Amino acid sequence: MACFSDVEGATPSWYVIQCKGGESFRAADNLTNQGYEVFHPVLNAQRKRQSKLVTVTEPLFPYYLFIRLDQVASDWRPIRSTRGVLRLLTFGNRPVAVPESLVGTLRAQPHHLEGSHTYFSAGEKVTITDGPFKDLEAIFTRCKGEERAIVLLNVLNRPQHLEVPLETLSKL
């Protein structure tokens, strides 16, 4: 798989690596350490861990990353045995190049790479898990800072906006 007969691949192109489950960061690190140019788009997302909302870095495309290779000059053999790598995506026996414009677009979109995706969405139904309104359903409106939320709660048959700690909310 190291060389191909057509000349079109004489310039470096981007290809897709499929990673083993949950090992895309390991694969990206190992490929980078071997001298390959790797693009692993990630985003920051809020997740609930032990009743606290924390910001975690996750792959934009779980199980996949991009690698830049030259069909003639690059050594493709070590890729298969790199820790975290499952395989190089192919159609038949040929690796499929990803359009340069796709990777360029992904790199140019800072919201994809550094955007924050919240755990709750506006309008989503939630349950309050602690405090005086415990076990009541509410509608998540928005975050207020990193630890507080505004919810719409029906109190005395009237909708009321309340500010509650984010950690006291759970999805329905």
N, C-alpha and C. Protein backbone atom coordinates (compact mmCIF):
# COMPACT_ATOMS: atom_id res chain seq x y z
N MET A 1 0.82 -1.19 0.00
CA MET A 1 0.00 0.00 0.00
C MET A 1 0.86 1.25 0.00
N ALA A 2 2.16 1.13 -0.01
CA ALA A 2 3.04 2.29 0.09
C ALA A 2 3.07 3.13 -1.17
N CYS A 3 2.93 2.54 -2.34
CA CYS A 3 3.00 3.30 -3.59
C CYS A 3 1.81 2.97 -4.46
N PHE A 4 1.40 3.95 -5.26
CA PHE A 4 0.31 3.76 -6.20
C PHE A 4 0.80 4.16 -7.57
N SER A 5 0.21 3.57 -8.58
CA SER A 5 0.72 3.80 -9.94
C SER A 5 0.32 5.14 -10.53
N ASP A 6 -0.79 5.73 -10.07
CA ASP A 6 -1.19 7.00 -10.68
C ASP A 6 -0.42 8.17 -10.08
N VAL A 7 -0.21 9.18 -10.88
CA VAL A 7 0.61 10.32 -10.50
C VAL A 7 -0.20 11.35 -9.71
N GLU A 8 -1.54 11.25 -9.74
CA GLU A 8 -2.37 12.23 -9.06
C GLU A 8 -2.06 12.36 -7.58
N GLY A 9 -1.58 11.29 -6.96
CA GLY A 9 -1.30 11.31 -5.53
C GLY A 9 0.10 11.77 -5.20
N ALA A 10 0.79 12.42 -6.14
CA ALA A 10 2.15 12.85 -5.90
C ALA A 10 2.24 13.99 -4.90
N THR A 11 1.14 14.68 -4.64
CA THR A 11 1.14 15.73 -3.63
C THR A 11 0.41 15.22 -2.41
N PRO A 12 0.75 15.73 -1.23
CA PRO A 12 0.09 15.26 -0.01
C PRO A 12 -1.41 15.55 -0.03
N SER A 13 -2.18 14.60 0.47
CA SER A 13 -3.63 14.73 0.59
C SER A 13 -4.05 14.31 1.99
N TRP A 14 -5.24 14.68 2.36
CA TRP A 14 -5.80 14.27 3.65
C TRP A 14 -6.57 12.97 3.47
N TYR A 15 -6.41 12.07 4.43
CA TYR A 15 -7.11 10.80 4.45
C TYR A 15 -7.76 10.65 5.83
N VAL A 16 -8.65 9.69 5.95
CA VAL A 16 -9.36 9.49 7.21
C VAL A 16 -8.88 8.21 7.88
N ILE A 17 -8.57 8.34 9.15
CA ILE A 17 -8.19 7.19 9.98
C ILE A 17 -9.38 6.86 10.87
N GLN A 18 -9.79 5.58 10.90
CA GLN A 18 -10.80 5.14 11.85
C GLN A 18 -10.07 4.62 13.07
N CYS A 19 -10.47 5.12 14.24
CA CYS A 19 -9.79 4.76 15.49
C CYS A 19 -10.60 3.73 16.26
N LYS A 20 -9.93 3.04 17.15
CA LYS A 20 -10.61 2.13 18.05
C LYS A 20 -11.47 2.96 19.00
N GLY A 21 -12.50 2.36 19.54
CA GLY A 21 -13.45 3.06 20.41
C GLY A 21 -12.77 3.82 21.54
N GLY A 22 -13.03 5.11 21.61
CA GLY A 22 -12.50 5.94 22.68
C GLY A 22 -11.01 6.19 22.63
N GLU A 23 -10.36 5.86 21.52
CA GLU A 23 -8.90 5.99 21.46
C GLU A 23 -8.42 6.97 20.39
N SER A 24 -9.27 7.89 19.99
CA SER A 24 -8.85 8.83 18.94
C SER A 24 -7.75 9.77 19.43
N PHE A 25 -7.78 10.16 20.71
CA PHE A 25 -6.73 11.02 21.24
C PHE A 25 -5.40 10.26 21.29
N ARG A 26 -5.45 9.00 21.70
CA ARG A 26 -4.24 8.16 21.74
C ARG A 26 -3.68 8.00 20.34
N ALA A 27 -4.55 7.71 19.37
CA ALA A 27 -4.10 7.52 17.99
C ALA A 27 -3.48 8.80 17.45
N ALA A 28 -4.11 9.94 17.71
CA ALA A 28 -3.58 11.23 17.23
C ALA A 28 -2.20 11.49 17.84
N ASP A 29 -2.05 11.26 19.14
CA ASP A 29 -0.75 11.46 19.79
C ASP A 29 0.31 10.54 19.22
N ASN A 30 -0.02 9.26 19.06
CA ASN A 30 0.95 8.29 18.55
C ASN A 30 1.35 8.58 17.11
N LEU A 31 0.39 8.96 16.28
CA LEU A 31 0.72 9.29 14.89
C LEU A 31 1.57 10.55 14.81
N THR A 32 1.26 11.54 15.63
CA THR A 32 2.05 12.77 15.67
C THR A 32 3.48 12.46 16.12
N ASN A 33 3.62 11.61 17.14
CA ASN A 33 4.95 11.23 17.63
C ASN A 33 5.77 10.50 16.56
N GLN A 34 5.08 9.87 15.60
CA GLN A 34 5.78 9.18 14.52
C GLN A 34 6.10 10.12 13.35
N GLY A 35 5.72 11.38 13.48
CA GLY A 35 6.06 12.36 12.47
C GLY A 35 4.99 12.63 11.43
N TYR A 36 3.81 12.07 11.59
CA TYR A 36 2.72 12.31 10.64
C TYR A 36 2.01 13.62 10.99
N GLU A 37 1.47 14.28 9.97
CA GLU A 37 0.65 15.47 10.20
C GLU A 37 -0.79 15.00 10.41
N VAL A 38 -1.32 15.31 11.59
CA VAL A 38 -2.64 14.83 11.97
C VAL A 38 -3.53 16.02 12.30
N PHE A 39 -4.79 15.93 11.91
CA PHE A 39 -5.79 16.93 12.29
C PHE A 39 -6.92 16.19 13.01
N HIS A 40 -7.10 16.51 14.28
CA HIS A 40 -8.10 15.85 15.12
C HIS A 40 -9.03 16.92 15.67
N PRO A 41 -10.09 17.28 14.95
CA PRO A 41 -10.97 18.35 15.42
C PRO A 41 -11.70 17.96 16.70
N VAL A 42 -11.67 18.85 17.67
CA VAL A 42 -12.31 18.60 18.95
C VAL A 42 -13.20 19.78 19.31
N LEU A 43 -14.06 19.56 20.28
CA LEU A 43 -14.90 20.63 20.81
C LEU A 43 -14.99 20.47 22.32
N ASN A 44 -15.34 21.56 22.98
CA ASN A 44 -15.56 21.52 24.42
C ASN A 44 -17.05 21.35 24.65
N ALA A 45 -17.41 20.41 25.51
CA ALA A 45 -18.82 20.15 25.79
C ALA A 45 -19.01 20.04 27.30
N GLN A 46 -20.19 20.41 27.75
CA GLN A 46 -20.50 20.26 29.17
C GLN A 46 -21.14 18.90 29.38
N ARG A 47 -20.65 18.20 30.39
CA ARG A 47 -21.18 16.89 30.75
C ARG A 47 -21.37 16.85 32.25
N LYS A 48 -22.34 16.07 32.68
CA LYS A 48 -22.60 15.93 34.10
C LYS A 48 -21.78 14.76 34.63
N ARG A 49 -20.93 15.02 35.59
CA ARG A 49 -20.09 13.99 36.22
C ARG A 49 -20.23 14.14 37.73
N GLN A 50 -20.70 13.10 38.38
CA GLN A 50 -20.87 13.10 39.84
C GLN A 50 -21.65 14.33 40.30
N SER A 51 -22.79 14.57 39.66
CA SER A 51 -23.70 15.68 39.99
C SER A 51 -23.13 17.06 39.73
N LYS A 52 -22.02 17.16 39.05
CA LYS A 52 -21.42 18.46 38.72
C LYS A 52 -21.31 18.56 37.20
N LEU A 53 -21.51 19.76 36.69
CA LEU A 53 -21.28 19.99 35.27
C LEU A 53 -19.82 20.34 35.06
N VAL A 54 -19.17 19.59 34.20
CA VAL A 54 -17.76 19.85 33.90
C VAL A 54 -17.60 20.02 32.39
N THR A 55 -16.60 20.75 31.99
CA THR A 55 -16.30 20.92 30.58
C THR A 55 -15.26 19.88 30.19
N VAL A 56 -15.59 19.12 29.16
CA VAL A 56 -14.68 18.08 28.68
C VAL A 56 -14.38 18.33 27.20
N THR A 57 -13.24 17.87 26.77
CA THR A 57 -12.86 17.96 25.36
C THR A 57 -13.22 16.64 24.70
N GLU A 58 -14.01 16.73 23.63
CA GLU A 58 -14.46 15.54 22.91
C GLU A 58 -14.13 15.68 21.43
N PRO A 59 -13.95 14.55 20.74
CA PRO A 59 -13.73 14.62 19.30
C PRO A 59 -14.98 15.12 18.59
N LEU A 60 -14.79 15.95 17.58
CA LEU A 60 -15.92 16.41 16.77
C LEU A 60 -16.51 15.22 16.01
N PHE A 61 -15.64 14.32 15.53
CA PHE A 61 -16.06 13.10 14.86
C PHE A 61 -15.54 11.92 15.69
N PRO A 62 -16.37 11.37 16.58
CA PRO A 62 -15.90 10.24 17.38
C PRO A 62 -15.43 9.10 16.47
N TYR A 63 -14.32 8.50 16.80
CA TYR A 63 -13.71 7.38 16.08
C TYR A 63 -12.94 7.77 14.82
N TYR A 64 -12.86 9.06 14.48
CA TYR A 64 -12.18 9.43 13.24
C TYR A 64 -11.24 10.61 13.44
N LEU A 65 -10.18 10.64 12.65
CA LEU A 65 -9.28 11.78 12.57
C LEU A 65 -8.71 11.83 11.16
N PHE A 66 -8.08 12.93 10.84
CA PHE A 66 -7.53 13.13 9.50
C PHE A 66 -6.00 13.04 9.56
N ILE A 67 -5.41 12.48 8.51
CA ILE A 67 -3.96 12.37 8.42
C ILE A 67 -3.55 12.82 7.02
N ARG A 68 -2.45 13.59 6.97
CA ARG A 68 -1.97 14.10 5.67
C ARG A 68 -0.82 13.21 5.22
N LEU A 69 -1.01 12.61 4.03
CA LEU A 69 -0.02 11.67 3.50
C LEU A 69 0.23 11.94 2.03
N ASP A 70 1.44 11.60 1.62
CA ASP A 70 1.82 11.64 0.21
C ASP A 70 1.86 10.19 -0.25
N GLN A 71 1.15 9.86 -1.32
CA GLN A 71 1.07 8.46 -1.76
C GLN A 71 2.41 7.89 -2.19
N VAL A 72 3.35 8.76 -2.54
CA VAL A 72 4.65 8.27 -2.99
C VAL A 72 5.69 8.34 -1.87
N ALA A 73 5.79 9.50 -1.21
CA ALA A 73 6.88 9.72 -0.26
C ALA A 73 6.58 9.24 1.16
N SER A 74 5.33 9.18 1.57
CA SER A 74 5.00 8.81 2.95
C SER A 74 5.11 7.31 3.17
N ASP A 75 5.52 6.95 4.36
CA ASP A 75 5.57 5.53 4.75
C ASP A 75 4.23 5.20 5.41
N TRP A 76 3.41 4.42 4.73
CA TRP A 76 2.07 4.12 5.20
C TRP A 76 2.02 2.90 6.13
N ARG A 77 3.04 2.08 6.10
CA ARG A 77 3.01 0.81 6.85
C ARG A 77 2.83 0.96 8.35
N PRO A 78 3.51 1.90 9.03
CA PRO A 78 3.36 1.96 10.49
C PRO A 78 1.97 2.38 10.96
N ILE A 79 1.18 2.95 10.09
CA ILE A 79 -0.13 3.45 10.49
C ILE A 79 -1.00 2.33 11.03
N ARG A 80 -1.03 1.20 10.34
CA ARG A 80 -1.89 0.07 10.75
C ARG A 80 -1.60 -0.42 12.15
N SER A 81 -0.34 -0.40 12.54
CA SER A 81 0.03 -0.95 13.85
C SER A 81 0.17 0.11 14.93
N THR A 82 -0.25 1.31 14.65
CA THR A 82 -0.19 2.39 15.64
C THR A 82 -1.28 2.18 16.68
N ARG A 83 -0.93 2.33 17.95
CA ARG A 83 -1.92 2.16 19.02
C ARG A 83 -3.05 3.16 18.86
N GLY A 84 -4.28 2.65 18.96
CA GLY A 84 -5.46 3.48 18.83
C GLY A 84 -6.04 3.49 17.43
N VAL A 85 -5.26 3.10 16.43
CA VAL A 85 -5.73 3.11 15.04
C VAL A 85 -6.38 1.77 14.72
N LEU A 86 -7.57 1.83 14.13
CA LEU A 86 -8.23 0.61 13.67
C LEU A 86 -7.86 0.35 12.21
N ARG A 87 -8.05 1.38 11.36
CA ARG A 87 -7.71 1.21 9.95
C ARG A 87 -7.77 2.55 9.24
N LEU A 88 -7.22 2.58 8.06
CA LEU A 88 -7.33 3.71 7.15
C LEU A 88 -8.58 3.46 6.31
N LEU A 89 -9.45 4.45 6.18
CA LEU A 89 -10.67 4.25 5.40
C LEU A 89 -10.34 4.10 3.93
N THR A 90 -10.94 3.09 3.32
CA THR A 90 -10.70 2.81 1.91
C THR A 90 -12.01 2.47 1.22
N PHE A 91 -12.00 2.60 -0.11
CA PHE A 91 -13.04 2.04 -0.97
C PHE A 91 -12.33 0.98 -1.77
N GLY A 92 -12.71 -0.26 -1.56
CA GLY A 92 -11.96 -1.35 -2.16
C GLY A 92 -10.62 -1.43 -1.44
N ASN A 93 -9.55 -1.42 -2.20
CA ASN A 93 -8.22 -1.45 -1.60
C ASN A 93 -7.52 -0.10 -1.67
N ARG A 94 -8.24 0.94 -2.08
CA ARG A 94 -7.63 2.26 -2.24
C ARG A 94 -8.06 3.21 -1.13
N PRO A 95 -7.09 3.83 -0.47
CA PRO A 95 -7.44 4.88 0.49
C PRO A 95 -8.13 6.04 -0.22
N VAL A 96 -9.09 6.62 0.42
CA VAL A 96 -9.86 7.70 -0.19
C VAL A 96 -9.39 9.03 0.36
N ALA A 97 -8.97 9.90 -0.56
CA ALA A 97 -8.53 11.24 -0.16
C ALA A 97 -9.75 12.10 0.16
N VAL A 98 -9.62 12.91 1.20
CA VAL A 98 -10.67 13.85 1.59
C VAL A 98 -10.34 15.18 0.90
N PRO A 99 -11.33 15.86 0.36
CA PRO A 99 -11.04 17.15 -0.28
C PRO A 99 -10.34 18.12 0.67
N GLU A 100 -9.32 18.74 0.16
CA GLU A 100 -8.55 19.73 0.94
C GLU A 100 -9.48 20.81 1.50
N SER A 101 -10.51 21.16 0.71
CA SER A 101 -11.44 22.21 1.14
C SER A 101 -12.21 21.82 2.40
N LEU A 102 -12.52 20.54 2.56
CA LEU A 102 -13.24 20.08 3.76
C LEU A 102 -12.40 20.30 5.01
N VAL A 103 -11.16 19.86 4.96
CA VAL A 103 -10.27 20.03 6.12
C VAL A 103 -10.01 21.52 6.35
N GLY A 104 -9.84 22.27 5.27
CA GLY A 104 -9.65 23.72 5.40
C GLY A 104 -10.84 24.39 6.06
N THR A 105 -12.04 23.98 5.68
CA THR A 105 -13.25 24.54 6.28
C THR A 105 -13.33 24.20 7.76
N LEU A 106 -13.03 22.96 8.11
CA LEU A 106 -13.05 22.56 9.53
C LEU A 106 -12.03 23.34 10.34
N ARG A 107 -10.85 23.53 9.78
CA ARG A 107 -9.81 24.28 10.49
C ARG A 107 -10.17 25.75 10.65
N ALA A 108 -10.94 26.29 9.70
CA ALA A 108 -11.29 27.71 9.73
C ALA A 108 -12.47 28.01 10.64
N GLN A 109 -13.12 26.99 11.16
CA GLN A 109 -14.30 27.18 12.00
C GLN A 109 -13.93 27.06 13.47
N PRO A 110 -13.58 28.16 14.11
CA PRO A 110 -13.19 28.06 15.51
C PRO A 110 -14.31 27.59 16.42
N HIS A 111 -15.57 27.80 16.03
CA HIS A 111 -16.65 27.32 16.88
C HIS A 111 -16.70 25.80 16.92
N HIS A 112 -16.24 25.13 15.87
CA HIS A 112 -16.18 23.67 15.90
C HIS A 112 -15.08 23.20 16.83
N LEU A 113 -13.99 23.94 16.85
CA LEU A 113 -12.83 23.47 17.58
C LEU A 113 -12.84 23.91 19.03
N GLU A 114 -13.38 25.08 19.30
CA GLU A 114 -13.32 25.58 20.66
C GLU A 114 -14.68 25.98 21.21
N GLY A 115 -15.72 25.67 20.48
CA GLY A 115 -17.06 26.05 20.91
C GLY A 115 -17.49 25.28 22.13
N SER A 116 -18.40 25.85 22.87
CA SER A 116 -18.90 25.18 24.05
C SER A 116 -20.32 24.71 23.79
N HIS A 117 -20.54 23.44 23.88
CA HIS A 117 -21.86 22.88 23.69
C HIS A 117 -22.43 22.53 25.06
N THR A 118 -23.53 23.17 25.41
CA THR A 118 -24.05 23.01 26.75
C THR A 118 -24.79 21.69 26.91
N TYR A 119 -24.84 21.25 28.13
CA TYR A 119 -25.49 20.00 28.47
C TYR A 119 -27.00 20.11 28.29
N PHE A 120 -27.57 21.26 28.64
CA PHE A 120 -29.00 21.50 28.50
C PHE A 120 -29.24 22.46 27.34
N SER A 121 -30.37 22.29 26.66
CA SER A 121 -30.75 23.18 25.56
C SER A 121 -31.96 24.00 25.98
N ALA A 122 -32.05 25.22 25.49
CA ALA A 122 -33.19 26.08 25.79
C ALA A 122 -34.48 25.37 25.36
N GLY A 123 -35.47 25.37 26.23
CA GLY A 123 -36.75 24.74 25.96
C GLY A 123 -36.83 23.29 26.37
N GLU A 124 -35.72 22.72 26.83
CA GLU A 124 -35.68 21.31 27.22
C GLU A 124 -36.31 21.13 28.59
N LYS A 125 -37.09 20.05 28.76
CA LYS A 125 -37.70 19.75 30.06
C LYS A 125 -36.65 19.14 30.98
N VAL A 126 -36.63 19.63 32.23
CA VAL A 126 -35.68 19.16 33.23
C VAL A 126 -36.41 18.89 34.54
N THR A 127 -35.76 18.17 35.42
CA THR A 127 -36.27 17.94 36.76
C THR A 127 -35.30 18.57 37.75
N ILE A 128 -35.85 19.22 38.76
CA ILE A 128 -35.01 19.79 39.81
C ILE A 128 -34.79 18.68 40.83
N THR A 129 -33.52 18.39 41.14
CA THR A 129 -33.19 17.22 41.96
C THR A 129 -32.88 17.55 43.41
N ASP A 130 -32.85 18.84 43.77
CA ASP A 130 -32.50 19.20 45.15
C ASP A 130 -33.09 20.56 45.48
N GLY A 131 -33.26 20.82 46.75
CA GLY A 131 -33.75 22.12 47.19
C GLY A 131 -35.26 22.13 47.39
N PRO A 132 -35.83 23.31 47.60
CA PRO A 132 -37.26 23.41 47.90
C PRO A 132 -38.17 22.99 46.74
N PHE A 133 -37.66 22.95 45.52
CA PHE A 133 -38.46 22.57 44.36
C PHE A 133 -38.11 21.17 43.86
N LYS A 134 -37.55 20.36 44.74
CA LYS A 134 -37.12 19.01 44.40
C LYS A 134 -38.25 18.22 43.76
N ASP A 135 -37.91 17.46 42.72
CA ASP A 135 -38.81 16.58 41.97
C ASP A 135 -39.85 17.30 41.12
N LEU A 136 -39.73 18.61 40.97
CA LEU A 136 -40.65 19.33 40.10
C LEU A 136 -40.05 19.45 38.70
N GLU A 137 -40.93 19.41 37.71
CA GLU A 137 -40.50 19.58 36.33
C GLU A 137 -40.43 21.07 36.01
N ALA A 138 -39.46 21.43 35.21
CA ALA A 138 -39.29 22.82 34.77
C ALA A 138 -38.81 22.80 33.33
N ILE A 139 -38.74 23.97 32.75
CA ILE A 139 -38.21 24.12 31.39
C ILE A 139 -36.94 24.94 31.48
N PHE A 140 -35.85 24.37 30.98
CA PHE A 140 -34.56 25.06 30.99
C PHE A 140 -34.64 26.24 30.03
N THR A 141 -34.23 27.42 30.52
CA THR A 141 -34.25 28.62 29.69
C THR A 141 -32.85 28.97 29.21
N ARG A 142 -31.92 29.12 30.17
CA ARG A 142 -30.55 29.49 29.79
C ARG A 142 -29.63 29.32 30.98
N CYS A 143 -28.33 29.33 30.69
CA CYS A 143 -27.31 29.32 31.74
C CYS A 143 -27.08 30.74 32.21
N LYS A 144 -26.74 30.87 33.45
CA LYS A 144 -26.35 32.17 34.00
C LYS A 144 -24.99 31.93 34.65
N GLY A 145 -23.96 32.22 33.90
CA GLY A 145 -22.62 31.91 34.37
C GLY A 145 -22.35 30.43 34.16
N GLU A 146 -21.37 29.91 34.90
CA GLU A 146 -21.00 28.52 34.74
C GLU A 146 -21.67 27.58 35.72
N GLU A 147 -22.29 28.12 36.78
CA GLU A 147 -22.85 27.26 37.81
C GLU A 147 -24.33 27.45 38.07
N ARG A 148 -24.96 28.40 37.40
CA ARG A 148 -26.36 28.71 37.65
C ARG A 148 -27.17 28.59 36.37
N ALA A 149 -28.47 28.35 36.52
CA ALA A 149 -29.37 28.25 35.37
C ALA A 149 -30.66 28.98 35.68
N ILE A 150 -31.31 29.44 34.63
CA ILE A 150 -32.64 30.03 34.74
C ILE A 150 -33.61 29.01 34.16
N VAL A 151 -34.62 28.65 34.96
CA VAL A 151 -35.64 27.70 34.52
C VAL A 151 -37.01 28.33 34.65
N LEU A 152 -37.93 27.83 33.87
CA LEU A 152 -39.31 28.28 33.93
C LEU A 152 -40.09 27.20 34.67
N LEU A 153 -40.67 27.59 35.81
CA LEU A 153 -41.36 26.64 36.68
C LEU A 153 -42.77 27.14 36.91
N ASN A 154 -43.72 26.22 36.90
CA ASN A 154 -45.10 26.59 37.15
C ASN A 154 -45.34 26.62 38.65
N VAL A 155 -45.46 27.82 39.22
CA VAL A 155 -45.68 27.99 40.66
C VAL A 155 -47.02 28.69 40.85
N LEU A 156 -47.90 28.06 41.61
CA LEU A 156 -49.24 28.61 41.86
C LEU A 156 -49.96 28.94 40.55
N ASN A 157 -49.86 28.01 39.61
CA ASN A 157 -50.51 28.13 38.30
C ASN A 157 -50.04 29.32 37.49
N ARG A 158 -48.84 29.79 37.77
CA ARG A 158 -48.25 30.87 36.98
C ARG A 158 -46.82 30.50 36.65
N PRO A 159 -46.41 30.69 35.41
CA PRO A 159 -45.00 30.41 35.07
C PRO A 159 -44.08 31.45 35.71
N GLN A 160 -43.06 30.96 36.38
CA GLN A 160 -42.10 31.84 37.06
C GLN A 160 -40.68 31.46 36.63
N HIS A 161 -39.87 32.47 36.41
CA HIS A 161 -38.46 32.23 36.13
C HIS A 161 -37.72 32.13 37.46
N LEU A 162 -36.98 31.04 37.64
CA LEU A 162 -36.20 30.82 38.85
C LEU A 162 -34.74 30.59 38.50
N GLU A 163 -33.88 31.03 39.38
CA GLU A 163 -32.45 30.78 39.22
C GLU A 163 -32.08 29.65 40.18
N VAL A 164 -31.49 28.59 39.63
CA VAL A 164 -31.12 27.43 40.43
C VAL A 164 -29.70 27.00 40.07
N PRO A 165 -29.04 26.27 40.97
CA PRO A 165 -27.71 25.74 40.62
C PRO A 165 -27.84 24.70 39.49
N LEU A 166 -26.94 24.74 38.52
CA LEU A 166 -26.96 23.79 37.42
C LEU A 166 -26.88 22.35 37.91
N GLU A 167 -26.15 22.14 38.98
CA GLU A 167 -25.96 20.76 39.47
C GLU A 167 -27.24 20.17 40.01
N THR A 168 -28.28 20.99 40.25
CA THR A 168 -29.54 20.46 40.76
C THR A 168 -30.53 20.12 39.65
N LEU A 169 -30.10 20.17 38.41
CA LEU A 169 -30.97 19.85 37.29
C LEU A 169 -30.59 18.52 36.66
N SER A 170 -31.59 17.82 36.19
CA SER A 170 -31.31 16.60 35.42
C SER A 170 -32.30 16.53 34.27
N LYS A 171 -31.87 15.90 33.18
CA LYS A 171 -32.73 15.78 32.00
C LYS A 171 -33.86 14.81 32.30
N LEU A 172 -35.01 15.05 31.67
CA LEU A 172 -36.14 14.14 31.80
C LEU A 172 -35.96 12.94 30.91
